[in-house]
Protein backbone atom coordinates (compact mmCIF):
# COMPACT_ATOMS: atom_id res chain seq x y z
CA MET A 1 -0.01 0.02 -0.19
CA THR A 2 1.32 3.36 -0.92
CA ASN A 3 1.28 5.98 1.92
CA PHE A 4 0.16 9.56 1.28
CA ASN A 5 0.53 12.56 3.49
CA LEU A 6 -1.77 15.53 3.75
CA GLU A 7 0.75 17.97 2.30
CA GLU A 8 0.39 16.17 -1.14
CA PHE A 9 -3.21 17.31 -1.29
CA ASP A 10 -2.49 21.00 -0.46
CA TYR A 11 -2.69 23.90 -3.01
CA LYS A 12 -3.16 27.62 -2.85
CA LEU A 13 -6.62 28.60 -3.34
CA PRO A 14 -6.74 32.40 -4.11
CA LYS A 15 -9.45 33.81 -1.89
CA GLU A 16 -11.09 35.76 -4.85
CA LEU A 17 -11.75 32.54 -6.60
CA ILE A 18 -14.08 31.14 -3.92
CA ALA A 19 -17.66 31.87 -5.29
CA GLN A 20 -19.71 33.89 -2.88
CA TYR A 21 -23.00 33.86 -5.11
CA PRO A 22 -24.27 31.52 -7.69
CA ARG A 23 -23.98 32.31 -11.35
CA GLU A 24 -26.92 34.07 -13.04
CA SER A 25 -27.84 30.81 -14.59
CA ARG A 26 -27.22 27.32 -13.52
CA ASP A 27 -25.94 25.92 -16.66
CA GLN A 28 -23.68 28.93 -17.54
CA SER A 29 -20.96 27.49 -15.07
CA ASN A 30 -17.66 26.73 -16.68
CA LEU A 31 -16.84 23.13 -17.14
CA LEU A 32 -13.44 21.50 -17.10
CA VAL A 33 -13.48 18.20 -18.97
CA TYR A 34 -10.72 15.69 -18.24
CA THR A 35 -10.77 13.21 -20.93
CA LYS A 36 -9.82 9.38 -20.55
CA GLU A 37 -6.67 10.26 -22.45
CA GLY A 38 -5.66 12.91 -19.97
CA THR A 39 -6.45 15.92 -22.09
CA ILE A 40 -7.93 19.02 -20.38
CA LEU A 41 -10.87 20.80 -22.23
CA HIS A 42 -12.68 24.14 -21.15
CA GLN A 43 -16.15 24.28 -21.99
CA LYS A 44 -19.56 25.51 -20.57
CA PHE A 45 -21.81 23.20 -18.47
CA TYR A 46 -24.64 23.54 -21.00
CA GLU A 47 -22.40 21.65 -23.46
CA ILE A 48 -21.87 18.63 -21.15
CA ALA A 49 -24.18 16.40 -23.13
CA ASN A 50 -21.48 16.56 -25.89
CA PHE A 51 -19.04 14.67 -23.67
CA ILE A 52 -21.35 11.99 -22.39
CA PRO A 53 -22.02 9.10 -24.80
CA LYS A 54 -25.60 8.37 -25.71
CA GLY A 55 -27.28 5.70 -23.56
CA SER A 56 -25.05 6.49 -20.52
CA LEU A 57 -26.38 6.51 -16.93
CA LEU A 58 -26.01 9.14 -14.27
CA LEU A 59 -26.49 8.57 -10.63
CA ARG A 60 -27.66 11.59 -8.62
CA ASN A 61 -28.46 12.52 -5.07
CA VAL A 62 -32.10 13.77 -4.50
CA SER A 63 -31.45 14.80 -1.01
CA LYS A 64 -32.74 18.43 -0.27
CA VAL A 65 -31.23 20.96 2.07
CA ILE A 66 -33.51 21.81 5.08
CA PRO A 67 -33.52 25.47 6.48
CA ALA A 68 -31.58 24.09 9.46
CA ARG A 69 -30.31 27.37 10.99
CA PHE A 70 -32.59 29.49 13.22
CA LEU A 71 -32.68 31.62 16.32
CA LEU A 72 -34.51 31.05 19.62
CA GLN A 73 -34.05 32.65 22.93
CA LYS A 74 -33.58 31.58 26.53
CA GLN A 75 -36.54 32.17 28.81
CA THR A 76 -34.17 34.42 30.83
CA GLY A 77 -33.11 36.34 27.74
CA GLY A 78 -30.42 36.01 25.21
CA LYS A 79 -30.53 34.75 21.76
CA VAL A 80 -29.20 31.28 20.89
CA GLU A 81 -28.45 30.32 17.33
CA ILE A 82 -29.36 26.57 16.40
CA LEU A 83 -28.03 24.66 13.57
CA LEU A 84 -29.76 21.20 13.33
CA LEU A 85 -27.45 18.33 12.42
CA GLU A 86 -29.58 15.19 12.36
CA PRO A 87 -32.69 13.64 14.00
CA ILE A 88 -32.85 11.22 16.80
CA SER A 89 -36.71 10.71 17.39
CA PRO A 90 -39.25 9.90 16.42
CA SER A 91 -36.92 8.41 13.87
CA PRO A 92 -33.44 9.00 12.76
CA ASP A 93 -34.94 9.20 9.09
CA PRO A 94 -34.98 13.08 8.34
CA GLN A 95 -38.32 12.86 6.52
CA VAL A 96 -40.09 11.04 9.34
CA ALA A 97 -38.80 13.48 11.94
CA LEU A 98 -39.65 16.58 9.68
CA ALA A 99 -43.24 15.24 9.22
CA SER A 100 -43.78 15.05 13.13
CA THR A 101 -46.45 17.14 14.61
CA GLY A 102 -45.44 16.17 18.20
CA SER A 103 -42.22 16.04 19.94
CA THR A 104 -38.98 15.65 17.94
CA THR A 105 -35.41 15.22 19.13
CA TRP A 106 -32.43 16.43 17.21
CA LYS A 107 -28.52 16.65 17.54
CA ALA A 108 -27.61 20.44 16.99
CA LEU A 109 -24.90 22.98 17.19
CA LEU A 110 -25.61 25.90 19.64
CA ARG A 111 -24.08 29.32 19.70
CA GLY A 112 -24.90 31.40 22.77
CA ARG A 113 -23.93 32.06 26.33
CA ASN A 114 -24.66 30.04 29.44
CA ILE A 115 -26.36 27.10 27.82
CA LYS A 116 -26.40 23.86 29.68
CA ALA A 117 -28.54 20.76 30.09
CA GLY A 118 -32.09 21.91 31.15
CA THR A 119 -32.00 25.22 29.33
CA ILE A 120 -35.39 26.02 27.85
CA LEU A 121 -35.36 27.96 24.50
CA VAL A 122 -38.51 29.55 22.74
CA ASN A 123 -39.19 31.43 19.72
CA ASP A 124 -40.22 35.17 19.77
CA CYS A 125 -43.93 36.08 19.67
CA SER A 126 -43.85 37.34 16.12
CA PHE A 127 -44.84 33.98 14.77
CA ASP A 128 -48.21 32.31 14.86
CA PHE A 129 -46.87 29.25 16.67
CA GLU A 130 -44.97 28.65 19.87
CA LEU A 131 -41.86 26.47 19.67
CA THR A 132 -39.88 25.42 22.68
CA ALA A 133 -36.64 23.53 22.82
CA LYS A 134 -35.24 21.82 25.85
CA VAL A 135 -31.55 21.03 25.99
CA LEU A 136 -31.43 17.45 27.09
CA ASP A 137 -27.64 17.14 26.82
CA LYS A 138 -24.57 19.15 25.82
CA ASN A 139 -20.98 18.07 25.13
CA ASN A 140 -18.14 19.65 23.38
CA GLU A 141 -19.17 18.20 19.94
CA TYR A 142 -23.01 18.87 19.85
CA SER A 143 -26.14 19.25 21.90
CA ILE A 144 -29.35 17.30 21.98
CA LEU A 145 -32.52 19.29 21.89
CA GLU A 146 -36.18 18.18 22.28
CA PHE A 147 -38.70 20.28 20.23
CA ASN A 148 -42.23 20.79 20.99
CA SER A 149 -44.77 23.15 19.26
CA LYS A 150 -48.27 24.46 20.11
CA ASN A 151 -49.51 24.99 16.74
CA PHE A 152 -52.62 23.00 16.26
CA GLY A 153 -50.79 20.23 14.12
CA SER A 154 -48.27 21.99 12.12
CA THR A 155 -45.27 19.57 11.08
CA PHE A 156 -41.78 20.37 12.26
CA SER A 157 -40.79 20.94 8.55
CA GLU A 158 -43.64 23.54 8.25
CA ILE A 159 -42.23 25.37 11.35
CA LEU A 160 -38.76 25.29 9.99
CA GLU A 161 -39.94 26.77 6.66
CA LYS A 162 -41.14 29.85 8.59
CA LEU A 163 -38.40 30.03 11.13
CA GLY A 164 -35.38 28.57 9.60
CA ARG A 165 -32.72 29.70 7.15
CA ILE A 166 -30.42 27.98 4.56
CA PRO A 167 -27.13 26.86 6.18
CA LEU A 168 -24.57 28.31 3.81
CA PRO A 169 -20.99 26.72 3.96
CA PRO A 170 -18.41 28.43 6.30
CA TYR A 171 -16.34 29.71 3.48
CA ILE A 172 -19.37 31.90 1.95
CA SER A 173 -18.83 34.94 3.96
CA ARG A 174 -22.07 36.57 3.88
CA ASN A 175 -25.63 36.02 5.45
CA ASP A 176 -27.93 33.80 3.50
CA GLU A 177 -30.32 35.63 1.18
CA GLU A 178 -33.65 34.85 -0.68
CA ILE A 179 -31.65 33.39 -3.76
CA ASP A 180 -30.17 30.87 -1.56
CA LYS A 181 -33.36 29.17 -0.84
CA ILE A 182 -33.60 28.30 -4.59
CA ARG A 183 -30.00 28.22 -5.72
CA TYR A 184 -28.52 26.18 -2.97
CA GLN A 185 -30.98 23.22 -3.92
CA THR A 186 -30.69 21.18 -6.91
CA ILE A 187 -33.76 21.40 -9.36
CA TYR A 188 -34.38 17.56 -8.82
CA GLY A 189 -34.01 17.29 -4.95
CA TYR A 190 -37.09 16.26 -3.09
CA LYS A 191 -36.06 14.28 -0.03
CA PRO A 192 -35.43 16.79 2.85
CA GLY A 193 -32.47 16.00 5.26
CA SER A 194 -29.22 17.52 4.16
CA VAL A 195 -27.50 20.69 5.97
CA ALA A 196 -25.18 21.09 3.02
CA SER A 197 -26.04 20.83 -0.57
CA PRO A 198 -25.05 18.03 -3.16
CA THR A 199 -23.33 20.88 -5.13
CA ALA A 200 -22.30 18.95 -8.24
CA GLY A 201 -25.97 18.97 -9.12
CA LEU A 202 -26.52 22.77 -8.80
CA HIS A 203 -25.50 23.17 -12.42
CA PHE A 204 -28.36 21.06 -13.87
CA SER A 205 -31.07 22.99 -15.61
CA GLU A 206 -34.38 21.70 -17.13
CA PRO A 207 -32.99 22.43 -20.78
CA ILE A 208 -29.83 20.23 -19.89
CA ILE A 209 -32.06 17.40 -18.65
CA ALA A 210 -34.25 17.70 -21.69
CA ASN A 211 -31.18 17.51 -23.84
CA PHE A 212 -30.06 14.39 -22.08
CA ASN A 213 -33.36 12.74 -22.66
CA THR A 214 -33.14 13.22 -26.50
CA ARG A 215 -29.76 11.36 -26.28
CA SER A 216 -31.08 8.60 -24.16
CA ILE A 217 -28.91 9.60 -21.36
CA ASN A 218 -30.79 8.70 -18.20
CA PHE A 219 -30.76 9.23 -14.37
CA VAL A 220 -30.99 6.92 -11.54
CA GLU A 221 -31.51 8.09 -7.84
CA ILE A 222 -30.02 7.59 -4.46
CA THR A 223 -30.32 9.68 -1.20
CA LEU A 224 -27.44 10.69 1.04
CA HIS A 225 -28.18 13.26 3.61
CA ILE A 226 -25.05 15.50 3.73
CA GLY A 227 -23.88 16.55 7.18
CA LEU A 228 -21.51 19.35 8.28
CA GLY A 229 -18.77 16.74 8.42
CA THR A 230 -18.41 17.28 4.51
CA PHE A 231 -16.63 20.63 5.47
CA LYS A 232 -14.38 19.07 8.18
CA PRO A 233 -10.74 19.50 7.19
CA ILE A 234 -8.34 16.78 7.57
CA GLN A 235 -6.08 17.73 10.64
CA SER A 236 -3.47 14.88 10.77
CA GLU A 237 -0.42 14.83 8.36
CA ASN A 238 -1.05 11.13 8.13
CA ILE A 239 -4.37 11.17 6.08
CA TYR A 240 -5.14 7.62 7.32
CA GLU A 241 -5.54 8.88 10.94
CA HIS A 242 -8.59 11.07 9.80
CA LYS A 243 -11.99 10.01 11.48
CA MET A 244 -14.53 10.03 8.66
CA HIS A 245 -17.93 11.46 9.40
CA SER A 246 -21.09 9.32 9.10
CA GLU A 247 -23.99 10.20 6.75
CA LYS A 248 -27.58 8.50 6.31
CA LEU A 249 -28.13 6.92 3.02
CA SER A 250 -30.95 5.10 1.11
CA VAL A 251 -31.21 3.21 -2.14
CA ASP A 252 -34.49 1.68 -3.30
CA PHE A 253 -35.12 -1.56 -5.18
CA GLU A 254 -36.46 0.22 -8.46
CA ASN A 255 -33.23 2.23 -8.76
CA LEU A 256 -30.98 -0.76 -8.03
CA GLU A 257 -32.93 -2.60 -10.78
CA LYS A 258 -32.17 0.30 -13.23
CA ILE A 259 -28.58 0.04 -12.43
CA TYR A 260 -28.50 -3.52 -12.91
CA ASN A 261 -30.40 -3.37 -16.27
CA PHE A 262 -27.72 -0.79 -17.52
CA LEU A 263 -24.88 -2.67 -16.31
CA THR A 264 -25.91 -5.99 -18.09
CA THR A 265 -26.85 -4.30 -21.42
CA ARG A 266 -24.58 -1.27 -21.97
CA ASP A 267 -21.74 -1.40 -24.59
CA ASP A 268 -18.17 -0.25 -24.03
CA PHE A 269 -18.95 3.26 -24.93
CA GLN A 270 -21.81 3.90 -22.45
CA TYR A 271 -20.75 5.04 -19.17
CA PHE A 272 -21.94 5.02 -15.43
CA ILE A 273 -21.33 8.58 -14.20
CA ALA A 274 -21.62 9.92 -10.56
CA VAL A 275 -23.16 13.34 -10.17
CA GLY A 276 -21.08 14.39 -7.10
CA THR A 277 -18.99 12.79 -4.39
CA THR A 278 -21.90 11.87 -2.37
CA SER A 279 -23.18 9.55 -5.28
CA VAL A 280 -19.85 7.88 -5.34
CA ARG A 281 -19.74 7.49 -1.51
CA THR A 282 -23.42 5.99 -1.60
CA MET A 283 -22.82 3.42 -4.48
CA GLU A 284 -19.59 2.35 -3.14
CA SER A 285 -20.89 1.93 0.35
CA ILE A 286 -23.67 -0.38 -1.19
CA PHE A 287 -20.95 -2.40 -2.70
CA TRP A 288 -19.27 -3.02 0.74
CA LEU A 289 -22.80 -3.56 2.26
CA ALA A 290 -23.28 -6.28 -0.21
CA GLN A 291 -19.94 -7.95 0.69
CA LEU A 292 -20.85 -7.87 4.38
CA LEU A 293 -24.34 -9.43 3.80
CA TYR A 294 -22.98 -12.08 1.53
CA SER A 295 -20.27 -13.07 3.82
CA THR A 296 -21.93 -12.71 7.25
CA ARG A 297 -25.61 -13.29 6.64
CA ASN A 298 -26.47 -10.84 9.40
CA GLU A 299 -30.18 -10.45 9.08
CA LYS A 300 -30.21 -7.18 11.17
CA MET A 301 -28.22 -5.40 8.47
CA TRP A 302 -31.21 -5.75 5.91
CA ASP A 303 -33.08 -3.25 8.38
CA SER A 304 -30.35 -0.79 9.19
CA PHE A 305 -26.60 -0.94 8.51
CA GLU A 306 -23.32 1.03 9.11
CA VAL A 307 -20.61 0.96 6.75
CA ASP A 308 -17.13 1.55 8.47
CA GLN A 309 -14.68 3.95 7.07
CA TYR A 310 -11.97 1.20 6.49
CA ILE A 311 -14.26 -1.75 5.58
CA TRP A 312 -12.44 -1.98 2.35
CA ARG A 313 -9.34 -2.86 4.15
CA GLU A 314 -10.91 -5.41 6.47
CA ILE A 315 -12.72 -7.77 4.14
CA GLU A 316 -12.01 -9.25 0.74
CA PRO A 317 -14.81 -8.80 -1.61
CA LYS A 318 -16.33 -11.87 -3.02
CA LEU A 319 -18.73 -10.26 -5.56
CA ASP A 320 -17.90 -8.01 -8.42
CA LYS A 321 -20.11 -4.92 -9.18
CA LEU A 322 -22.62 -6.79 -11.41
CA GLN A 323 -22.85 -9.72 -8.77
CA THR A 324 -23.25 -7.08 -6.13
CA VAL A 325 -26.41 -5.50 -7.51
CA GLU A 326 -27.77 -8.96 -8.59
CA PHE A 327 -27.45 -10.36 -5.03
CA LEU A 328 -29.05 -7.35 -3.37
CA LEU A 329 -32.09 -7.41 -5.77
CA GLU A 330 -32.49 -11.16 -5.25
CA GLU A 331 -32.27 -10.97 -1.46
CA MET A 332 -34.43 -7.73 -1.34
CA SER A 333 -37.12 -9.65 -3.50
CA LYS A 334 -36.99 -12.69 -1.25
CA ARG A 335 -37.43 -10.44 1.93
CA LYS A 336 -39.95 -8.09 0.30
CA ILE A 337 -37.55 -5.21 1.15
CA LYS A 338 -38.18 -2.12 -0.87
CA LYS A 339 -35.30 0.09 0.27
CA LEU A 340 -31.97 -0.27 1.85
CA GLU A 341 -31.28 2.28 4.64
CA GLY A 342 -28.37 2.90 6.81
CA SER A 343 -25.39 5.04 7.26
CA THR A 344 -21.78 5.19 6.01
CA SER A 345 -18.52 6.73 7.13
CA LEU A 346 -16.77 5.22 3.98
CA TYR A 347 -13.47 6.89 3.64
CA ILE A 348 -12.23 6.97 0.03
CA THR A 349 -8.49 7.63 0.11
CA PRO A 350 -6.02 7.81 -2.97
CA ASP A 351 -5.28 4.07 -2.78
CA TYR A 352 -9.00 3.17 -2.90
CA LYS A 353 -10.25 1.48 -6.07
CA ILE A 354 -13.56 2.97 -7.42
CA ARG A 355 -15.70 -0.04 -8.16
CA PHE A 356 -18.78 1.47 -10.00
CA PHE A 357 -18.06 4.63 -11.87
CA ASP A 358 -16.37 5.57 -15.18
CA ALA A 359 -16.51 9.37 -14.45
CA ILE A 360 -17.59 11.87 -11.97
CA ILE A 361 -19.20 15.33 -12.31
CA THR A 362 -17.86 17.38 -9.35
CA ASN A 363 -17.01 20.92 -8.26
CA PHE A 364 -13.61 22.19 -7.26
CA HIS A 365 -12.83 21.21 -3.71
CA GLN A 366 -11.00 22.88 -0.71
CA PRO A 367 -7.35 22.05 -0.18
CA ARG A 368 -6.54 19.16 2.25
CA SER A 369 -10.07 17.88 2.18
CA THR A 370 -11.48 14.29 1.92
CA LEU A 371 -13.25 15.33 -1.20
CA LEU A 372 -9.98 16.13 -2.90
CA LEU A 373 -8.78 12.65 -1.97
CA LEU A 374 -11.69 11.09 -3.68
CA VAL A 375 -10.82 13.11 -6.80
CA TYR A 376 -7.44 11.38 -6.80
CA SER A 377 -9.28 7.92 -7.04
CA PHE A 378 -10.58 9.06 -10.50
CA VAL A 379 -7.56 11.04 -11.95
CA GLY A 380 -4.70 10.28 -9.87
CA GLU A 381 -1.73 12.73 -9.67
CA ASP A 382 -3.23 14.80 -12.63
CA TRP A 383 -5.51 16.37 -10.03
CA LYS A 384 -2.71 18.89 -9.48
CA ARG A 385 -2.51 19.61 -13.22
CA ILE A 386 -6.42 20.03 -13.41
CA TYR A 387 -6.55 22.41 -10.33
CA ARG A 388 -3.49 24.33 -11.47
CA GLU A 389 -5.16 24.96 -14.94
CA ALA A 390 -8.53 25.75 -13.36
CA ILE A 391 -6.83 28.44 -11.19
CA GLU A 392 -5.01 29.84 -14.05
CA LYS A 393 -8.25 30.03 -15.98
CA LYS A 394 -9.99 31.79 -13.16
CA TYR A 395 -12.69 29.06 -12.45
CA ARG A 396 -14.81 29.63 -9.48
CA PHE A 397 -14.19 27.27 -6.64
CA LEU A 398 -16.35 25.26 -3.91
CA SER A 399 -20.10 25.16 -3.49
CA TYR A 400 -21.31 27.97 -5.80
CA GLY A 401 -18.28 27.52 -8.17
CA ASP A 402 -17.82 25.86 -11.53
CA SER A 403 -17.88 22.32 -12.42
CA SER A 404 -15.70 19.55 -13.85
CA LEU A 405 -16.34 16.34 -15.70
CA LEU A 406 -13.47 13.84 -14.79
CA PHE A 407 -13.10 10.54 -16.64
CA LYS A 408 -11.37 7.86 -14.67
CA THR A 409 -7.98 7.03 -15.95
CA MET A 410 -5.70 4.10 -15.38
CA HIS A 411 -3.26 5.32 -12.67
């Protein structure tokens, strides 16, 4: 195994290239295309269909960002900013928790003074509902809050829509605005639960999708709810000492079946392409879940699973990618399971072998980040050439920045 140090994934990102606002139109973003031959081309995102062969399949993440940031105040006075992280009850599934009209408990980050377990927070009286939050527990990493509302049956989601704001990334140095409610979401996201956007999908517009349809370029869907851990920098010089964050994911039978049909009928010039790093992590996690289920026959994992960050070092795969999907479909049919649900902390380091994808559509990522390590798994050392050229050409970086289409090379 080759060892990699963090300094190998550092580069100087000029502050002025960090996009603070989205472009006027989603599909007007610049698009850097890195071909299988290692050539770099500079295009516009609306031209992307020209570089994707007819009949290819794209995997996209349909998670939607929730307005997770809002203010409450202590009964004794003093405002407290809350940033929701993930639900605990009535279900760890964000869609269930958001649909709750009763009590709901969440992990959250709090910003304010003298907050401890037992503190009661309330909203101000300008709203037509009364929301209370009791701090059940508080530690150095997060707090646990129990929310209750007196609003004649409004769901927690409806309350957040009135009270909450879009949680922009820490490198966007401005407050959220009305435009962010629309532009920090993909046009196809419909499953609420993320606190950060699957930004590779922000460039897709209705005309691009219509153009794909005319070329028989299709989409399949997964859900991975993105947490704040996506912004967590790697601190240790030895990248393998990094503790990867965990995120909830789900994949349903129907979309797995579409992937299987594609893999069994495609020709050599039809590609399976990930829209974003979250799509890569999800599908690769499903690969390792299948290896576990096949090897251990652990029945409980069909209900809920956790994919460990270094599972790929711990077990030897017995199934290839096609066998993986076939095995899951057969077993799900047998058990009448419609959807696989669980969480993953899979850590894709430079020596990880991508199983499923021929290419990735992705934005330009922060120096020293886990996302940059994932890019390496597609293009190897050429990531440096790609990023150097993107900086020279004044591409916009990070969440509201420009895009790239990177084809996997043999490295």
